[in-house]
């Protein structure tokens, strides 16, 4: 589900803008990292705090 929501959210922002994502799904790290790379976007932040992942993605 994080990929679907992220894809919709990133379509609503302009190139160069940053989207912050806080998924709780353990598979989100692998999925989002691969999705960011395949879309040509840049992963600016990738951390986990208390079971919650925090990603900052800059739109290509």
C-alpha atoms as a PDB file:
ATOM      1  CA  UNK A   1       0.000   0.000   0.000  1.00  0.00           C
ATOM      2  CA  UNK A   2       2.812   2.526   0.643  1.00  0.00           C
ATOM      3  CA  UNK A   3       3.805   2.397  -3.041  1.00  0.00           C
ATOM      4  CA  UNK A   4       0.277   3.164  -4.267  1.00  0.00           C
ATOM      5  CA  UNK A   5      -0.125   6.108  -1.884  1.00  0.00           C
ATOM      6  CA  UNK A   6       3.376   7.370  -2.615  1.00  0.00           C
ATOM      7  CA  UNK A   7       2.835   7.220  -6.364  1.00  0.00           C
ATOM      8  CA  UNK A   8      -0.370   9.260  -6.069  1.00  0.00           C
ATOM      9  CA  UNK A   9       1.272  11.788  -3.748  1.00  0.00           C
ATOM     10  CA  UNK A  10       4.357  12.252  -5.910  1.00  0.00           C
ATOM     11  CA  UNK A  11       2.189  12.921  -8.962  1.00  0.00           C
ATOM     12  CA  UNK A  12       0.742  15.932  -7.114  1.00  0.00           C
ATOM     13  CA  UNK A  13       4.076  17.669  -6.470  1.00  0.00           C
ATOM     14  CA  UNK A  14       6.488  19.442  -8.797  1.00  0.00           C
ATOM     15  CA  UNK A  15       9.894  18.210  -9.906  1.00  0.00           C
ATOM     16  CA  UNK A  16      12.486  18.995  -7.226  1.00  0.00           C
ATOM     17  CA  UNK A  17       9.958  19.032  -4.386  1.00  0.00           C
ATOM     18  CA  UNK A  18      10.346  16.604  -1.487  1.00  0.00           C
ATOM     19  CA  UNK A  19       7.807  14.088  -0.232  1.00  0.00           C
ATOM     20  CA  UNK A  20       8.095  12.622   3.271  1.00  0.00           C
ATOM     21  CA  UNK A  21       6.684   9.131   3.809  1.00  0.00           C
ATOM     22  CA  UNK A  22       6.161   7.315   7.157  1.00  0.00           C
ATOM     23  CA  UNK A  23       5.170   3.710   6.409  1.00  0.00           C
ATOM     24  CA  UNK A  24       4.966   1.085   9.160  1.00  0.00           C
ATOM     25  CA  UNK A  25       5.119  -1.902   6.791  1.00  0.00           C
ATOM     26  CA  UNK A  26       8.405  -3.810   7.231  1.00  0.00           C
ATOM     27  CA  UNK A  27       8.614  -4.433   3.469  1.00  0.00           C
ATOM     28  CA  UNK A  28       8.311  -0.737   2.712  1.00  0.00           C
ATOM     29  CA  UNK A  29      12.052  -0.094   2.890  1.00  0.00           C
ATOM     30  CA  UNK A  30      12.877  -2.522   0.095  1.00  0.00           C
ATOM     31  CA  UNK A  31       9.810  -1.602  -1.967  1.00  0.00           C
ATOM     32  CA  UNK A  32      10.190   2.175  -1.695  1.00  0.00           C
ATOM     33  CA  UNK A  33      13.929   2.107  -2.305  1.00  0.00           C
ATOM     34  CA  UNK A  34      13.421   0.121  -5.512  1.00  0.00           C
ATOM     35  CA  UNK A  35      10.482   2.296  -6.595  1.00  0.00           C
ATOM     36  CA  UNK A  36      12.465   5.518  -6.051  1.00  0.00           C
ATOM     37  CA  UNK A  37      15.353   4.190  -8.127  1.00  0.00           C
ATOM     38  CA  UNK A  38      13.124   2.927 -10.944  1.00  0.00           C
ATOM     39  CA  UNK A  39      11.323   6.274 -11.119  1.00  0.00           C
ATOM     40  CA  UNK A  40      14.538   8.287 -11.300  1.00  0.00           C
ATOM     41  CA  UNK A  41      13.749  10.049  -8.025  1.00  0.00           C
ATOM     42  CA  UNK A  42      16.292  10.650  -5.258  1.00  0.00           C
ATOM     43  CA  UNK A  43      16.090   9.107  -1.794  1.00  0.00           C
ATOM     44  CA  UNK A  44      17.268  11.853   0.570  1.00  0.00           C
ATOM     45  CA  UNK A  45      16.531  10.169   3.893  1.00  0.00           C
ATOM     46  CA  UNK A  46      15.960   6.573   4.946  1.00  0.00           C
ATOM     47  CA  UNK A  47      15.803   5.893   8.689  1.00  0.00           C
ATOM     48  CA  UNK A  48      13.822   3.748  11.120  1.00  0.00           C
ATOM     49  CA  UNK A  49      12.721   5.000  14.529  1.00  0.00           C
ATOM     50  CA  UNK A  50      10.645   2.840  16.877  1.00  0.00           C
ATOM     51  CA  UNK A  51       9.342   0.638  14.073  1.00  0.00           C
ATOM     52  CA  UNK A  52       8.389   3.521  11.800  1.00  0.00           C
ATOM     53  CA  UNK A  53      10.357   4.173   8.653  1.00  0.00           C
ATOM     54  CA  UNK A  54      10.936   7.737   7.512  1.00  0.00           C
ATOM     55  CA  UNK A  55      11.727   8.429   3.895  1.00  0.00           C
ATOM     56  CA  UNK A  56      12.295  11.731   2.151  1.00  0.00           C
ATOM     57  CA  UNK A  57      12.045  11.459  -1.617  1.00  0.00           C
ATOM     58  CA  UNK A  58      12.885  14.241  -4.045  1.00  0.00           C
ATOM     59  CA  UNK A  59      10.842  14.077  -7.221  1.00  0.00           C
ATOM     60  CA  UNK A  60      12.832  13.830 -10.452  1.00  0.00           C
END
